[in-house]
Amino acid sequence: MILTVTLNLALDVTYEVPHVDWNGVNRVGAVHRRAGGKGVNVARVLAALGRDVLVTGLAGGPTGRSIEDDLRAARLPTALTPITAD
């Protein structure tokens, strides 16, 4: 078991555009949100390599719930400490 500690969990947001118009207006085609932070990223790689991992850190507020939901969907086990604020 490899324990990763990410005290500053993040919600990484990626905006996808179908093409770039350098002289005009660019419209977002899709938005992707994913739990991130160094420990989470390491845990994703280790899990993909077949290692047992446990993600720990602080999570709270709506952002914390989104992070928890994403980690659950990715089947990454967690032991997050709940806090009040994002």
Protein backbone atom coordinates (compact mmCIF):
# COMPACT_ATOMS: atom_id res chain seq x y z
CA MET A 1 0.00 0.00 0.00
CA ILE A 2 1.30 3.43 -0.98
CA LEU A 3 -0.15 6.38 0.89
CA THR A 4 -0.21 9.73 -0.89
CA VAL A 5 -0.74 12.93 1.10
CA THR A 6 -2.08 15.96 -0.73
CA LEU A 7 -2.82 18.76 1.71
CA ASN A 8 -3.77 21.13 -1.10
CA LEU A 9 -6.13 19.05 -3.25
CA ALA A 10 -7.15 20.80 -6.44
CA LEU A 11 -9.93 20.63 -8.95
CA ASP A 12 -8.15 20.84 -12.31
CA VAL A 13 -10.30 22.45 -15.01
CA THR A 14 -9.52 22.04 -18.71
CA TYR A 15 -11.31 24.06 -21.39
CA GLU A 16 -11.44 22.42 -24.79
CA VAL A 17 -11.81 24.48 -27.96
CA PRO A 18 -12.42 22.89 -31.36
CA HIS A 19 -9.92 25.22 -33.03
CA VAL A 20 -8.03 28.44 -32.29
CA ASP A 21 -8.80 31.63 -34.15
CA TRP A 22 -5.83 33.87 -33.32
CA ASN A 23 -7.55 36.94 -34.80
CA GLY A 24 -11.08 36.31 -33.62
CA VAL A 25 -13.29 34.88 -30.91
CA ASN A 26 -12.75 31.40 -29.51
CA ARG A 27 -15.65 29.43 -28.05
CA VAL A 28 -15.26 26.68 -25.46
CA GLY A 29 -16.52 23.35 -26.78
CA ALA A 30 -16.28 21.35 -23.56
CA VAL A 31 -15.16 21.73 -19.96
CA HIS A 32 -13.48 18.87 -18.06
CA ARG A 33 -13.03 18.85 -14.27
CA ARG A 34 -10.76 16.35 -12.53
CA ALA A 35 -9.30 15.93 -9.05
CA GLY A 36 -5.66 16.92 -9.00
CA GLY A 37 -2.69 17.85 -6.91
CA LYS A 38 0.70 16.13 -6.80
CA GLY A 39 -0.38 13.27 -4.52
CA VAL A 40 -3.53 12.58 -6.53
CA ASN A 41 -1.58 12.58 -9.79
CA VAL A 42 0.98 10.17 -8.32
CA ALA A 43 -1.83 7.92 -7.03
CA ARG A 44 -3.43 7.82 -10.50
CA VAL A 45 -0.15 6.69 -12.08
CA LEU A 46 0.57 4.12 -9.38
CA ALA A 47 -2.95 2.69 -9.63
CA ALA A 48 -2.58 2.46 -13.42
CA LEU A 49 0.63 0.47 -12.80
CA GLY A 50 -1.30 -1.93 -10.58
CA ARG A 51 -0.15 -0.67 -7.17
CA ASP A 52 -2.46 -0.37 -4.15
CA VAL A 53 -2.82 3.29 -3.18
CA LEU A 54 -4.69 5.39 -0.64
CA VAL A 55 -5.26 9.11 -1.26
CA THR A 56 -5.31 11.33 1.84
CA GLY A 57 -5.71 15.05 2.28
CA LEU A 58 -8.17 17.76 3.25
CA ALA A 59 -11.43 18.25 1.35
CA GLY A 60 -14.37 20.51 2.00
CA GLY A 61 -17.17 22.54 0.51
CA PRO A 62 -18.53 22.04 -3.00
CA THR A 63 -15.02 21.72 -4.45
CA GLY A 64 -14.18 18.99 -1.94
CA ARG A 65 -17.35 17.09 -2.88
CA SER A 66 -16.44 17.32 -6.57
CA ILE A 67 -12.96 16.02 -5.81
CA GLU A 68 -14.35 13.14 -3.74
CA ASP A 69 -16.82 12.26 -6.53
CA ASP A 70 -14.05 12.22 -9.14
CA LEU A 71 -11.76 10.07 -7.01
CA ARG A 72 -14.63 7.63 -6.38
CA ALA A 73 -15.37 7.48 -10.13
CA ALA A 74 -11.66 6.81 -10.77
CA ARG A 75 -11.83 3.98 -8.18
CA LEU A 76 -9.07 5.56 -6.11
CA PRO A 77 -9.54 4.72 -2.42
CA THR A 78 -9.50 7.75 -0.13
CA ALA A 79 -9.19 8.66 3.52
CA LEU A 80 -9.90 12.39 3.23
CA THR A 81 -10.30 14.62 6.25
CA PRO A 82 -13.41 16.81 5.94
CA ILE A 83 -13.02 20.54 6.48
CA THR A 84 -15.59 23.33 6.37
CA ALA A 85 -14.40 25.52 3.52
CA ASP A 86 -13.16 24.88 -0.01
